[in-house]
Amino acid sequence: MQVDDIASFSILKDASATALYGARGANGVILVSTKEGREGKAKINFRSEYSSSQSTQTLQLVDPIQYMNLFNEATITRDPSSVVPFSPAKIQNTVDAINGVPGSNPYVYPAVDWLDMLFKKRATTQRNNLSINGGGKVAKYYVAGSYNIDNGVLKKISGITTTIM
């Protein structure tokens, strides 16, 4: 329901809601009245909003090299006799792949910045509302339509929109 289409609303609590709606109204009821047509010339209302938003705080994650070194350190700290999950060769190959060293393979040793790959720095939202109100003695009308575009902070990758459920 669009805000522009609301004429009034009221909140019923306790006994008044229970009397009208039974057990379903035990926690309270919100009654919303929508606008109606009025006699007179056609009156056209249009409202357009455009907004931009961005995160107030961004996560700071470690890079893959630092992650592998810290994971190895944590593994050895827990059990000094255990084998480290990331060998020095794997760490060096990942460093080479990040730096673009010839002969390195970024597909075998990937270093992906997932935050940058999945999320935009800012998102835009656009909302438009149009309503026409009028009528005569025989008939009154109120017609409303809205058009919303909410781009969100998730990037589109190869034509596929990623969503988090």
C-alpha atoms as a PDB file:
ATOM      1  CA  MET A   1       0.000   0.000   0.000  1.00  0.00           C
ATOM      2  CA  GLN A   2       1.369   3.393  -0.973  1.00  0.00           C
ATOM      3  CA  VAL A   3       1.481   6.224   1.542  1.00  0.00           C
ATOM      4  CA  ASP A   4      -0.190   8.580  -0.955  1.00  0.00           C
ATOM      5  CA  ASP A   5      -3.315   6.360  -1.055  1.00  0.00           C
ATOM      6  CA  ILE A   6      -3.966   6.473   2.718  1.00  0.00           C
ATOM      7  CA  ALA A   7      -6.696   8.861   3.879  1.00  0.00           C
ATOM      8  CA  SER A   8      -6.503   7.901   7.577  1.00  0.00           C
ATOM      9  CA  PHE A   9      -5.610   5.077   9.922  1.00  0.00           C
ATOM     10  CA  SER A  10      -6.489   4.155  13.464  1.00  0.00           C
ATOM     11  CA  ILE A  11      -5.163   1.657  15.959  1.00  0.00           C
ATOM     12  CA  LEU A  12      -7.560  -0.453  18.007  1.00  0.00           C
ATOM     13  CA  LYS A  13      -6.174  -2.097  21.113  1.00  0.00           C
ATOM     14  CA  ASP A  14      -7.539  -4.328  23.823  1.00  0.00           C
ATOM     15  CA  ALA A  15     -11.305  -4.789  24.118  1.00  0.00           C
ATOM     16  CA  SER A  16     -12.338  -2.789  21.037  1.00  0.00           C
ATOM     17  CA  ALA A  17     -10.199  -4.937  18.737  1.00  0.00           C
ATOM     18  CA  THR A  18     -11.248  -8.176  20.419  1.00  0.00           C
ATOM     19  CA  ALA A  19     -14.937  -7.254  20.178  1.00  0.00           C
ATOM     20  CA  LEU A  20     -14.703  -6.604  16.418  1.00  0.00           C
ATOM     21  CA  TYR A  21     -12.168  -9.244  15.336  1.00  0.00           C
ATOM     22  CA  GLY A  22     -12.281 -11.911  18.076  1.00  0.00           C
ATOM     23  CA  ALA A  23      -9.099 -13.806  18.899  1.00  0.00           C
ATOM     24  CA  ARG A  24      -7.345 -12.405  15.821  1.00  0.00           C
ATOM     25  CA  GLY A  25      -7.616  -8.909  17.270  1.00  0.00           C
ATOM     26  CA  ALA A  26      -6.142  -9.830  20.656  1.00  0.00           C
ATOM     27  CA  ASN A  27      -2.810  -8.120  19.914  1.00  0.00           C
ATOM     28  CA  GLY A  28      -4.440  -5.069  18.348  1.00  0.00           C
ATOM     29  CA  VAL A  29      -5.683  -4.041  14.909  1.00  0.00           C
ATOM     30  CA  ILE A  30      -4.648  -1.284  12.515  1.00  0.00           C
ATOM     31  CA  LEU A  31      -7.522   0.052  10.392  1.00  0.00           C
ATOM     32  CA  VAL A  32      -6.477   1.827   7.205  1.00  0.00           C
ATOM     33  CA  SER A  33      -8.911   3.947   5.157  1.00  0.00           C
ATOM     34  CA  THR A  34      -7.937   4.690   1.570  1.00  0.00           C
ATOM     35  CA  LYS A  35      -8.742   7.874  -0.310  1.00  0.00           C
ATOM     36  CA  GLU A  36     -11.979   8.182  -2.246  1.00  0.00           C
ATOM     37  CA  GLY A  37     -13.020  10.164  -5.280  1.00  0.00           C
ATOM     38  CA  ARG A  38     -14.542  13.609  -4.721  1.00  0.00           C
ATOM     39  CA  GLU A  39     -16.980  15.577  -6.774  1.00  0.00           C
ATOM     40  CA  GLY A  40     -15.336  18.224  -8.942  1.00  0.00           C
ATOM     41  CA  LYS A  41     -12.816  18.721 -11.707  1.00  0.00           C
ATOM     42  CA  ALA A  42     -10.107  16.142 -12.177  1.00  0.00           C
ATOM     43  CA  LYS A  43      -7.246  16.746  -9.789  1.00  0.00           C
ATOM     44  CA  ILE A  44      -3.878  15.217 -10.711  1.00  0.00           C
ATOM     45  CA  ASN A  45      -1.157  14.601  -8.141  1.00  0.00           C
ATOM     46  CA  PHE A  46       2.336  13.407  -8.994  1.00  0.00           C
ATOM     47  CA  ARG A  47       5.191  12.711  -6.604  1.00  0.00           C
ATOM     48  CA  SER A  48       8.680  11.544  -7.522  1.00  0.00           C
ATOM     49  CA  GLU A  49      11.518  10.641  -5.167  1.00  0.00           C
ATOM     50  CA  TYR A  50      15.085   9.630  -5.888  1.00  0.00           C
ATOM     51  CA  SER A  51      17.426   8.538  -3.132  1.00  0.00           C
ATOM     52  CA  SER A  52      20.902   7.158  -2.791  1.00  0.00           C
ATOM     53  CA  SER A  53      22.185   5.135   0.138  1.00  0.00           C
ATOM     54  CA  GLN A  54      25.433   3.558   1.208  1.00  0.00           C
ATOM     55  CA  SER A  55      26.728   1.556   4.145  1.00  0.00           C
ATOM     56  CA  THR A  56      27.820   3.526   7.162  1.00  0.00           C
ATOM     57  CA  GLN A  57      30.447   0.924   7.923  1.00  0.00           C
ATOM     58  CA  THR A  58      32.351  -1.509   5.703  1.00  0.00           C
ATOM     59  CA  LEU A  59      33.811  -4.791   6.842  1.00  0.00           C
ATOM     60  CA  GLN A  60      37.568  -4.949   6.790  1.00  0.00           C
ATOM     61  CA  LEU A  61      38.641  -8.470   5.825  1.00  0.00           C
ATOM     62  CA  VAL A  62      42.124  -9.910   5.647  1.00  0.00           C
ATOM     63  CA  ASP A  63      43.629 -10.721   2.267  1.00  0.00           C
ATOM     64  CA  PRO A  64      44.076 -14.386   1.240  1.00  0.00           C
ATOM     65  CA  ILE A  65      47.794 -14.445   2.093  1.00  0.00           C
ATOM     66  CA  GLN A  66      47.257 -13.116   5.602  1.00  0.00           C
ATOM     67  CA  TYR A  67      44.327 -15.536   6.063  1.00  0.00           C
ATOM     68  CA  MET A  68      46.433 -18.556   5.090  1.00  0.00           C
ATOM     69  CA  ASN A  69      49.280 -17.490   7.402  1.00  0.00           C
ATOM     70  CA  LEU A  70      46.894 -16.867  10.334  1.00  0.00           C
ATOM     71  CA  PHE A  71      45.080 -20.176   9.733  1.00  0.00           C
ATOM     72  CA  ASN A  72      48.407 -22.024   9.742  1.00  0.00           C
ATOM     73  CA  GLU A  73      49.400 -20.215  12.946  1.00  0.00           C
ATOM     74  CA  ALA A  74      46.086 -21.096  14.637  1.00  0.00           C
ATOM     75  CA  THR A  75      46.448 -24.753  13.606  1.00  0.00           C
ATOM     76  CA  ILE A  76      49.964 -25.001  15.055  1.00  0.00           C
ATOM     77  CA  THR A  77      48.882 -23.173  18.224  1.00  0.00           C
ATOM     78  CA  ARG A  78      46.129 -25.740  18.852  1.00  0.00           C
ATOM     79  CA  ASP A  79      48.319 -28.766  18.117  1.00  0.00           C
ATOM     80  CA  PRO A  80      52.041 -28.218  17.431  1.00  0.00           C
ATOM     81  CA  SER A  81      52.363 -31.693  15.877  1.00  0.00           C
ATOM     82  CA  SER A  82      49.605 -31.148  13.280  1.00  0.00           C
ATOM     83  CA  VAL A  83      50.207 -30.534   9.587  1.00  0.00           C
ATOM     84  CA  VAL A  84      49.520 -26.987   8.411  1.00  0.00           C
ATOM     85  CA  PRO A  85      46.613 -26.721   5.935  1.00  0.00           C
ATOM     86  CA  PHE A  86      48.412 -24.260   3.638  1.00  0.00           C
ATOM     87  CA  SER A  87      51.887 -25.182   2.488  1.00  0.00           C
ATOM     88  CA  PRO A  88      54.521 -22.467   1.888  1.00  0.00           C
ATOM     89  CA  ALA A  89      54.401 -23.360  -1.840  1.00  0.00           C
ATOM     90  CA  LYS A  90      50.630 -22.771  -1.976  1.00  0.00           C
ATOM     91  CA  ILE A  91      51.014 -19.440  -0.212  1.00  0.00           C
ATOM     92  CA  GLN A  92      53.815 -18.375  -2.585  1.00  0.00           C
ATOM     93  CA  ASN A  93      51.791 -19.471  -5.662  1.00  0.00           C
ATOM     94  CA  THR A  94      48.849 -17.385  -4.415  1.00  0.00           C
ATOM     95  CA  VAL A  95      51.158 -14.377  -3.944  1.00  0.00           C
ATOM     96  CA  ASP A  96      52.440 -14.874  -7.502  1.00  0.00           C
ATOM     97  CA  ALA A  97      48.879 -15.150  -8.872  1.00  0.00           C
ATOM     98  CA  ILE A  98      47.849 -11.926  -7.083  1.00  0.00           C
ATOM     99  CA  ASN A  99      50.891 -10.062  -8.412  1.00  0.00           C
ATOM    100  CA  GLY A 100      50.423 -11.412 -11.947  1.00  0.00           C
ATOM    101  CA  VAL A 101      53.759 -13.172 -12.117  1.00  0.00           C
ATOM    102  CA  PRO A 102      54.153 -14.881 -15.534  1.00  0.00           C
ATOM    103  CA  GLY A 103      53.439 -18.606 -15.290  1.00  0.00           C
ATOM    104  CA  SER A 104      51.213 -18.259 -12.225  1.00  0.00           C
ATOM    105  CA  ASN A 105      47.659 -19.593 -12.397  1.00  0.00           C
ATOM    106  CA  PRO A 106      44.960 -17.380 -10.765  1.00  0.00           C
ATOM    107  CA  TYR A 107      42.349 -20.117 -11.357  1.00  0.00           C
ATOM    108  CA  VAL A 108      44.251 -22.685  -9.308  1.00  0.00           C
ATOM    109  CA  TYR A 109      45.340 -20.132  -6.688  1.00  0.00           C
ATOM    110  CA  PRO A 110      42.492 -17.611  -6.566  1.00  0.00           C
ATOM    111  CA  ALA A 111      42.409 -14.452  -4.486  1.00  0.00           C
ATOM    112  CA  VAL A 112      38.870 -13.074  -4.717  1.00  0.00           C
ATOM    113  CA  ASP A 113      37.667  -9.941  -2.952  1.00  0.00           C
ATOM    114  CA  TRP A 114      34.107 -11.182  -2.375  1.00  0.00           C
ATOM    115  CA  LEU A 115      32.852  -7.946  -0.829  1.00  0.00           C
ATOM    116  CA  ASP A 116      33.911  -5.973  -3.900  1.00  0.00           C
ATOM    117  CA  MET A 117      32.611  -8.648  -6.265  1.00  0.00           C
ATOM    118  CA  LEU A 118      29.128  -8.977  -4.695  1.00  0.00           C
ATOM    119  CA  PHE A 119      28.325  -5.539  -3.252  1.00  0.00           C
ATOM    120  CA  LYS A 120      28.097  -2.039  -4.716  1.00  0.00           C
ATOM    121  CA  LYS A 121      29.475   0.969  -2.854  1.00  0.00           C
ATOM    122  CA  ARG A 122      26.041   2.670  -2.961  1.00  0.00           C
ATOM    123  CA  ALA A 123      22.504   1.915  -4.086  1.00  0.00           C
ATOM    124  CA  THR A 124      19.773   4.068  -5.597  1.00  0.00           C
ATOM    125  CA  THR A 125      16.011   3.991  -5.188  1.00  0.00           C
ATOM    126  CA  GLN A 126      13.380   5.715  -7.310  1.00  0.00           C
ATOM    127  CA  ARG A 127       9.678   6.048  -6.393  1.00  0.00           C
ATOM    128  CA  ASN A 128       6.969   7.674  -8.515  1.00  0.00           C
ATOM    129  CA  ASN A 129       3.279   8.072  -7.643  1.00  0.00           C
ATOM    130  CA  LEU A 130       0.478   9.399  -9.844  1.00  0.00           C
ATOM    131  CA  SER A 131      -3.143   9.808  -8.724  1.00  0.00           C
ATOM    132  CA  ILE A 132      -6.199  11.268 -10.424  1.00  0.00           C
ATOM    133  CA  ASN A 133      -9.211  12.269  -8.346  1.00  0.00           C
ATOM    134  CA  GLY A 134     -12.546  13.725  -9.418  1.00  0.00           C
ATOM    135  CA  GLY A 135     -16.070  12.977 -10.522  1.00  0.00           C
ATOM    136  CA  GLY A 136     -19.586  14.298 -10.853  1.00  0.00           C
ATOM    137  CA  LYS A 137     -22.929  13.786  -9.150  1.00  0.00           C
ATOM    138  CA  VAL A 138     -23.332  10.298 -10.640  1.00  0.00           C
ATOM    139  CA  ALA A 139     -19.850   8.865 -10.210  1.00  0.00           C
ATOM    140  CA  LYS A 140     -16.673   9.726  -8.350  1.00  0.00           C
ATOM    141  CA  TYR A 141     -13.255   8.267  -9.022  1.00  0.00           C
ATOM    142  CA  TYR A 142      -9.837   7.936  -7.476  1.00  0.00           C
ATOM    143  CA  VAL A 143      -7.225   6.219  -9.642  1.00  0.00           C
ATOM    144  CA  ALA A 144      -3.650   5.773  -8.461  1.00  0.00           C
ATOM    145  CA  GLY A 145      -0.546   4.081  -9.781  1.00  0.00           C
ATOM    146  CA  SER A 146       3.017   3.803  -8.636  1.00  0.00           C
ATOM    147  CA  TYR A 147       6.340   2.824 -10.149  1.00  0.00           C
ATOM    148  CA  ASN A 148       9.236   1.798  -7.893  1.00  0.00           C
ATOM    149  CA  ILE A 149      12.808   0.850  -8.699  1.00  0.00           C
ATOM    150  CA  ASP A 150      14.961  -0.333  -5.789  1.00  0.00           C
ATOM    151  CA  ASN A 151      18.387  -1.299  -7.067  1.00  0.00           C
ATOM    152  CA  GLY A 152      19.789  -2.608  -3.782  1.00  0.00           C
ATOM    153  CA  VAL A 153      23.429  -3.052  -2.859  1.00  0.00           C
ATOM    154  CA  LEU A 154      23.970  -6.422  -4.539  1.00  0.00           C
ATOM    155  CA  LYS A 155      25.684  -6.316  -7.927  1.00  0.00           C
ATOM    156  CA  LYS A 156      24.336  -8.013 -11.021  1.00  0.00           C
ATOM    157  CA  ILE A 157      26.829 -10.566 -12.257  1.00  0.00           C
ATOM    158  CA  SER A 158      26.542 -11.677 -15.899  1.00  0.00           C
ATOM    159  CA  GLY A 159      22.862 -10.766 -16.021  1.00  0.00           C
ATOM    160  CA  ILE A 160      22.087 -12.778 -12.876  1.00  0.00           C
ATOM    161  CA  THR A 161      20.847 -10.936  -9.804  1.00  0.00           C
ATOM    162  CA  THR A 162      22.281 -12.281  -6.579  1.00  0.00           C
ATOM    163  CA  THR A 163      20.014 -12.316  -3.554  1.00  0.00           C
ATOM    164  CA  ILE A 164      20.468 -13.280   0.051  1.00  0.00           C
ATOM    165  CA  MET A 165      17.539 -15.062   1.641  1.00  0.00           C
END
